[in-house]
């Protein structure tokens, strides 16, 4: 794989993260660090905030940081993604 410009994480609580796992050990955080190192991507100025999850909203505290985004949400399902694609006009 070459030419990675942006990484968007989609998924449910496994991707967002959930207690008691700390922010540095979340699947999303570990993979983002590895991808940033491998492809020269930026974690951005809010890189550490981006790794945190919001237990009240079930999302990451910051959605976008540098070359990474987290669109995951606790309880998300496949049809949530399909619904979003249709709303954006991509059938």
Protein backbone atom coordinates (compact mmCIF):
# COMPACT_ATOMS: atom_id res chain seq x y z
CA UNK A 1 0.00 0.00 0.00
CA UNK A 2 1.37 3.39 -0.97
CA UNK A 3 0.12 6.96 -1.10
CA UNK A 4 -2.03 6.92 2.04
CA UNK A 5 -3.30 10.47 2.60
CA UNK A 6 -6.10 10.09 5.15
CA UNK A 7 -7.40 7.41 7.51
CA UNK A 8 -11.02 7.30 8.66
CA UNK A 9 -12.02 4.88 11.40
CA UNK A 10 -15.56 3.50 11.18
CA UNK A 11 -17.12 1.08 13.61
CA UNK A 12 -18.62 0.61 17.03
CA UNK A 13 -17.28 0.56 20.59
CA UNK A 14 -14.36 -1.64 19.57
CA UNK A 15 -13.14 1.17 17.30
CA UNK A 16 -14.07 4.14 19.51
CA UNK A 17 -12.75 2.48 22.64
CA UNK A 18 -14.44 1.75 25.91
CA UNK A 19 -13.61 1.45 29.60
CA UNK A 20 -11.44 0.22 31.18
CA UNK A 21 -8.98 0.42 28.25
CA UNK A 22 -6.77 3.51 28.40
CA UNK A 23 -6.40 5.81 25.38
CA UNK A 24 -2.89 4.65 24.45
CA UNK A 25 -4.02 1.01 24.20
CA UNK A 26 -7.14 1.46 22.08
CA UNK A 27 -7.13 -0.35 18.72
CA UNK A 28 -7.68 2.99 16.96
CA UNK A 29 -4.77 4.66 18.81
CA UNK A 30 -2.30 1.82 18.29
CA UNK A 31 -3.14 1.52 14.60
CA UNK A 32 -3.03 5.30 14.07
CA UNK A 33 0.45 5.50 15.63
CA UNK A 34 1.68 2.66 13.40
CA UNK A 35 0.15 4.15 10.25
CA UNK A 36 1.54 7.60 11.05
CA UNK A 37 5.04 6.16 11.45
CA UNK A 38 4.82 3.93 8.36
CA UNK A 39 3.27 6.43 5.93
CA UNK A 40 4.43 9.77 7.36
CA UNK A 41 0.92 10.82 8.37
CA UNK A 42 0.23 13.51 10.94
CA UNK A 43 -1.69 12.82 14.15
CA UNK A 44 -2.29 16.57 14.27
CA UNK A 45 -2.32 19.07 17.11
CA UNK A 46 -5.09 17.29 19.00
CA UNK A 47 -3.55 13.82 18.57
CA UNK A 48 -3.85 12.93 22.25
CA UNK A 49 -7.40 14.29 22.55
CA UNK A 50 -8.31 12.38 19.39
CA UNK A 51 -7.38 9.15 21.18
CA UNK A 52 -9.86 9.76 24.02
CA UNK A 53 -13.44 8.50 24.00
CA UNK A 54 -16.40 10.43 25.35
CA UNK A 55 -18.37 8.11 27.65
CA UNK A 56 -21.46 10.33 27.43
CA UNK A 57 -21.64 10.54 23.62
CA UNK A 58 -20.00 7.21 22.76
CA UNK A 59 -17.68 8.86 20.26
CA UNK A 60 -14.11 10.09 20.23
CA UNK A 61 -13.63 13.40 22.06
CA UNK A 62 -12.25 14.99 18.87
CA UNK A 63 -13.46 13.65 15.50
CA UNK A 64 -10.65 14.98 13.29
CA UNK A 65 -6.96 15.43 13.99
CA UNK A 66 -4.28 15.75 11.35
CA UNK A 67 -4.69 12.99 8.78
CA UNK A 68 -7.03 10.93 10.96
CA UNK A 69 -10.77 10.93 11.63
CA UNK A 70 -12.93 8.83 13.89
CA UNK A 71 -16.53 8.42 12.73
CA UNK A 72 -17.12 5.44 15.01
CA UNK A 73 -19.85 5.40 17.66
CA UNK A 74 -20.83 3.04 20.44
CA UNK A 75 -23.64 0.81 19.22
CA UNK A 76 -23.05 1.63 15.54
CA UNK A 77 -24.34 -0.87 12.97
CA UNK A 78 -23.64 -1.52 9.29
CA UNK A 79 -26.94 0.01 8.22
CA UNK A 80 -25.87 3.31 9.88
CA UNK A 81 -23.09 3.57 7.30
CA UNK A 82 -25.43 2.66 4.45
CA UNK A 83 -27.93 5.30 5.59
CA UNK A 84 -25.16 7.94 5.68
CA UNK A 85 -24.04 7.05 2.15
CA UNK A 86 -27.59 7.44 0.81
CA UNK A 87 -28.03 10.77 2.60
CA UNK A 88 -24.86 12.02 0.86
CA UNK A 89 -26.27 10.97 -2.53
CA UNK A 90 -24.05 7.94 -3.09
CA UNK A 91 -26.37 5.06 -3.99
